C-alpha atoms as a PDB file:
ATOM      1  CA  UNK A   1      16.033  -0.046  15.004  1.00  0.00           C
ATOM      2  CA  UNK A   2      12.617   0.224  14.690  1.00  0.00           C
ATOM      3  CA  UNK A   3      11.176   2.083  11.584  1.00  0.00           C
ATOM      4  CA  UNK A   4       8.452   3.677  11.349  1.00  0.00           C
ATOM      5  CA  UNK A   5       5.687   3.807   8.745  1.00  0.00           C
ATOM      6  CA  UNK A   6       6.782   6.874   6.722  1.00  0.00           C
ATOM      7  CA  UNK A   7      10.157   5.439   6.756  1.00  0.00           C
ATOM      8  CA  UNK A   8       8.893   2.395   4.998  1.00  0.00           C
ATOM      9  CA  UNK A   9       6.292   3.750   2.757  1.00  0.00           C
ATOM     10  CA  UNK A  10       8.440   6.654   0.496  1.00  0.00           C
ATOM     11  CA  UNK A  11       5.945   7.633  -2.047  1.00  0.00           C
ATOM     12  CA  UNK A  12       3.115   6.380  -4.255  1.00  0.00           C
ATOM     13  CA  UNK A  13       3.436   4.986  -7.790  1.00  0.00           C
ATOM     14  CA  UNK A  14       1.194   6.678  -9.934  1.00  0.00           C
ATOM     15  CA  UNK A  15       0.766   5.251 -13.356  1.00  0.00           C
ATOM     16  CA  UNK A  16      -1.986   4.055 -15.988  1.00  0.00           C
ATOM     17  CA  UNK A  17      -1.471   0.725 -15.228  1.00  0.00           C
ATOM     18  CA  UNK A  18      -1.861   1.567 -11.449  1.00  0.00           C
ATOM     19  CA  UNK A  19      -5.026   4.319 -11.769  1.00  0.00           C
ATOM     20  CA  UNK A  20      -6.640   1.095 -13.159  1.00  0.00           C
ATOM     21  CA  UNK A  21      -5.306  -1.480 -10.583  1.00  0.00           C
ATOM     22  CA  UNK A  22      -6.708   1.208  -7.687  1.00  0.00           C
ATOM     23  CA  UNK A  23     -10.313   0.527  -8.693  1.00  0.00           C
ATOM     24  CA  UNK A  24      -9.661  -3.515  -7.699  1.00  0.00           C
ATOM     25  CA  UNK A  25      -8.169  -2.553  -4.954  1.00  0.00           C
ATOM     26  CA  UNK A  26      -4.383  -2.814  -5.901  1.00  0.00           C
ATOM     27  CA  UNK A  27      -1.872   0.154  -5.258  1.00  0.00           C
ATOM     28  CA  UNK A  28       1.933   0.375  -6.101  1.00  0.00           C
ATOM     29  CA  UNK A  29       4.009   2.541  -3.602  1.00  0.00           C
ATOM     30  CA  UNK A  30       7.836   2.534  -3.534  1.00  0.00           C
ATOM     31  CA  UNK A  31       9.228   1.376  -0.359  1.00  0.00           C
ATOM     32  CA  UNK A  32      12.724   1.216   1.489  1.00  0.00           C
ATOM     33  CA  UNK A  33      14.841  -1.243  -0.341  1.00  0.00           C
ATOM     34  CA  UNK A  34      15.540  -3.427   3.281  1.00  0.00           C
ATOM     35  CA  UNK A  35      11.432  -3.891   4.212  1.00  0.00           C
ATOM     36  CA  UNK A  36      10.081  -7.147   4.023  1.00  0.00           C
ATOM     37  CA  UNK A  37       6.429  -7.098   2.987  1.00  0.00           C
ATOM     38  CA  UNK A  38       5.188  -7.732   6.638  1.00  0.00           C
ATOM     39  CA  UNK A  39       6.769  -4.309   7.343  1.00  0.00           C
ATOM     40  CA  UNK A  40       5.235  -3.035   4.306  1.00  0.00           C
ATOM     41  CA  UNK A  41       2.088  -4.686   5.203  1.00  0.00           C
ATOM     42  CA  UNK A  42       1.900  -2.848   8.817  1.00  0.00           C
ATOM     43  CA  UNK A  43       3.095   0.498   7.571  1.00  0.00           C
ATOM     44  CA  UNK A  44       0.288   0.871   4.737  1.00  0.00           C
ATOM     45  CA  UNK A  45      -2.446  -0.674   7.630  1.00  0.00           C
ATOM     46  CA  UNK A  46      -1.205   2.151   9.804  1.00  0.00           C
ATOM     47  CA  UNK A  47      -0.751   4.676   8.152  1.00  0.00           C
ATOM     48  CA  UNK A  48      -4.067   4.136   5.472  1.00  0.00           C
ATOM     49  CA  UNK A  49      -6.449   2.837   8.421  1.00  0.00           C
ATOM     50  CA  UNK A  50      -7.265  -0.314   5.387  1.00  0.00           C
ATOM     51  CA  UNK A  51      -7.013  -3.986   5.296  1.00  0.00           C
ATOM     52  CA  UNK A  52      -4.382  -5.756   3.496  1.00  0.00           C
ATOM     53  CA  UNK A  53      -4.664  -8.710   1.794  1.00  0.00           C
ATOM     54  CA  UNK A  54      -1.564  -9.405  -0.056  1.00  0.00           C
ATOM     55  CA  UNK A  55       1.593  -7.351  -0.574  1.00  0.00           C
ATOM     56  CA  UNK A  56       3.602  -8.337  -4.164  1.00  0.00           C
ATOM     57  CA  UNK A  57       7.646  -6.609  -4.015  1.00  0.00           C
ATOM     58  CA  UNK A  58       9.743  -6.032  -7.149  1.00  0.00           C
ATOM     59  CA  UNK A  59      13.340  -5.257  -7.117  1.00  0.00           C
ATOM     60  CA  UNK A  60      14.564  -2.535 -10.096  1.00  0.00           C
ATOM     61  CA  UNK A  61      18.427  -2.391 -11.399  1.00  0.00           C
ATOM     62  CA  UNK A  62      19.194   1.105 -12.330  1.00  0.00           C
ATOM     63  CA  UNK A  63      19.304   1.925 -15.825  1.00  0.00           C
ATOM     64  CA  UNK A  64      22.747   2.997 -17.450  1.00  0.00           C
ATOM     65  CA  UNK A  65      22.791   6.041 -18.819  1.00  0.00           C
ATOM     66  CA  UNK A  66      25.302   8.646 -20.285  1.00  0.00           C
ATOM     67  CA  UNK A  67      25.517  12.382 -19.885  1.00  0.00           C
ATOM     68  CA  UNK A  68      27.972  14.075 -21.799  1.00  0.00           C
ATOM     69  CA  UNK A  69      29.686  10.484 -22.637  1.00  0.00           C
ATOM     70  CA  UNK A  70      30.358   9.751 -18.981  1.00  0.00           C
ATOM     71  CA  UNK A  71      28.179   6.630 -18.040  1.00  0.00           C
ATOM     72  CA  UNK A  72      26.509   6.385 -14.905  1.00  0.00           C
ATOM     73  CA  UNK A  73      23.138   4.445 -13.579  1.00  0.00           C
ATOM     74  CA  UNK A  74      20.057   5.724 -12.099  1.00  0.00           C
ATOM     75  CA  UNK A  75      19.388   4.601  -8.199  1.00  0.00           C
ATOM     76  CA  UNK A  76      17.696   0.979  -8.039  1.00  0.00           C
ATOM     77  CA  UNK A  77      14.698   0.975  -6.194  1.00  0.00           C
ATOM     78  CA  UNK A  78      11.466  -1.276  -4.753  1.00  0.00           C
ATOM     79  CA  UNK A  79       8.006  -1.198  -5.518  1.00  0.00           C
ATOM     80  CA  UNK A  80       5.368  -2.846  -3.624  1.00  0.00           C
ATOM     81  CA  UNK A  81       1.492  -3.561  -5.217  1.00  0.00           C
ATOM     82  CA  UNK A  82      -0.349  -3.793  -2.316  1.00  0.00           C
ATOM     83  CA  UNK A  83      -3.899  -5.720  -2.106  1.00  0.00           C
ATOM     84  CA  UNK A  84      -6.541  -4.017  -0.154  1.00  0.00           C
ATOM     85  CA  UNK A  85     -10.264  -5.824   0.940  1.00  0.00           C
ATOM     86  CA  UNK A  86     -12.565  -3.516  -0.861  1.00  0.00           C
ATOM     87  CA  UNK A  87     -15.808  -5.455   0.767  1.00  0.00           C
ATOM     88  CA  UNK A  88     -15.785  -4.606   4.364  1.00  0.00           C
ATOM     89  CA  UNK A  89     -18.969  -5.801   6.313  1.00  0.00           C
ATOM     90  CA  UNK A  90     -21.255  -4.324   8.943  1.00  0.00           C
ATOM     91  CA  UNK A  91     -20.840  -6.908  12.077  1.00  0.00           C
ATOM     92  CA  UNK A  92     -23.672  -7.510  14.408  1.00  0.00           C
ATOM     93  CA  UNK A  93     -23.846  -9.448  17.471  1.00  0.00           C
ATOM     94  CA  UNK A  94     -26.346 -10.120  20.051  1.00  0.00           C
ATOM     95  CA  UNK A  95     -25.505  -8.649  23.730  1.00  0.00           C
ATOM     96  CA  UNK A  96     -27.048  -8.476  27.121  1.00  0.00           C
ATOM     97  CA  UNK A  97     -30.846  -8.984  27.181  1.00  0.00           C
ATOM     98  CA  UNK A  98     -30.766 -10.524  23.340  1.00  0.00           C
ATOM     99  CA  UNK A  99     -30.121  -7.782  21.736  1.00  0.00           C
ATOM    100  CA  UNK A 100     -28.714  -7.066  18.515  1.00  0.00           C
ATOM    101  CA  UNK A 101     -25.688  -4.788  18.604  1.00  0.00           C
ATOM    102  CA  UNK A 102     -24.277  -3.858  15.005  1.00  0.00           C
ATOM    103  CA  UNK A 103     -20.744  -2.374  14.583  1.00  0.00           C
ATOM    104  CA  UNK A 104     -19.334  -0.246  11.922  1.00  0.00           C
ATOM    105  CA  UNK A 105     -16.794  -1.689   9.933  1.00  0.00           C
ATOM    106  CA  UNK A 106     -13.654  -1.325  11.105  1.00  0.00           C
ATOM    107  CA  UNK A 107     -11.439  -0.772   7.701  1.00  0.00           C
ATOM    108  CA  UNK A 108     -11.877   1.882   4.835  1.00  0.00           C
ATOM    109  CA  UNK A 109     -12.292   0.059   1.392  1.00  0.00           C
ATOM    110  CA  UNK A 110     -10.328   2.685  -0.160  1.00  0.00           C
ATOM    111  CA  UNK A 111      -7.303   4.707  -0.247  1.00  0.00           C
ATOM    112  CA  UNK A 112      -8.251   8.265  -0.941  1.00  0.00           C
ATOM    113  CA  UNK A 113      -4.920  10.236  -0.047  1.00  0.00           C
ATOM    114  CA  UNK A 114      -3.107   8.232  -3.110  1.00  0.00           C
ATOM    115  CA  UNK A 115      -2.728  10.429  -5.393  1.00  0.00           C
ATOM    116  CA  UNK A 116      -5.464  11.016  -7.875  1.00  0.00           C
ATOM    117  CA  UNK A 117      -9.469  10.276  -7.505  1.00  0.00           C
ATOM    118  CA  UNK A 118     -11.374   8.015  -8.048  1.00  0.00           C
END
């Protein structure tokens, strides 16, 4: 079964630490628990048009909570910290007739849709 990028990346995690890390190109997402690092990499690259350098994942178990004396648990989840390339350079090459052709950078250097302004 093929998963779409929207099935893999569930929502961004916006905290003080994640907003500070976004300045250096690290973004935190809540992802599907069965997703692998390569699936997360392809999903982020496809959704946000950025170049992913590294993906780190952490699994969190649900906490035991009580409501009216009855114990229960909060849901467990998986968090992915994605590092993107913040420096994209314009490339140039020689075309026919020894002319230099410049090509704009293919990827963006930040994720503007993350949930807060930079």
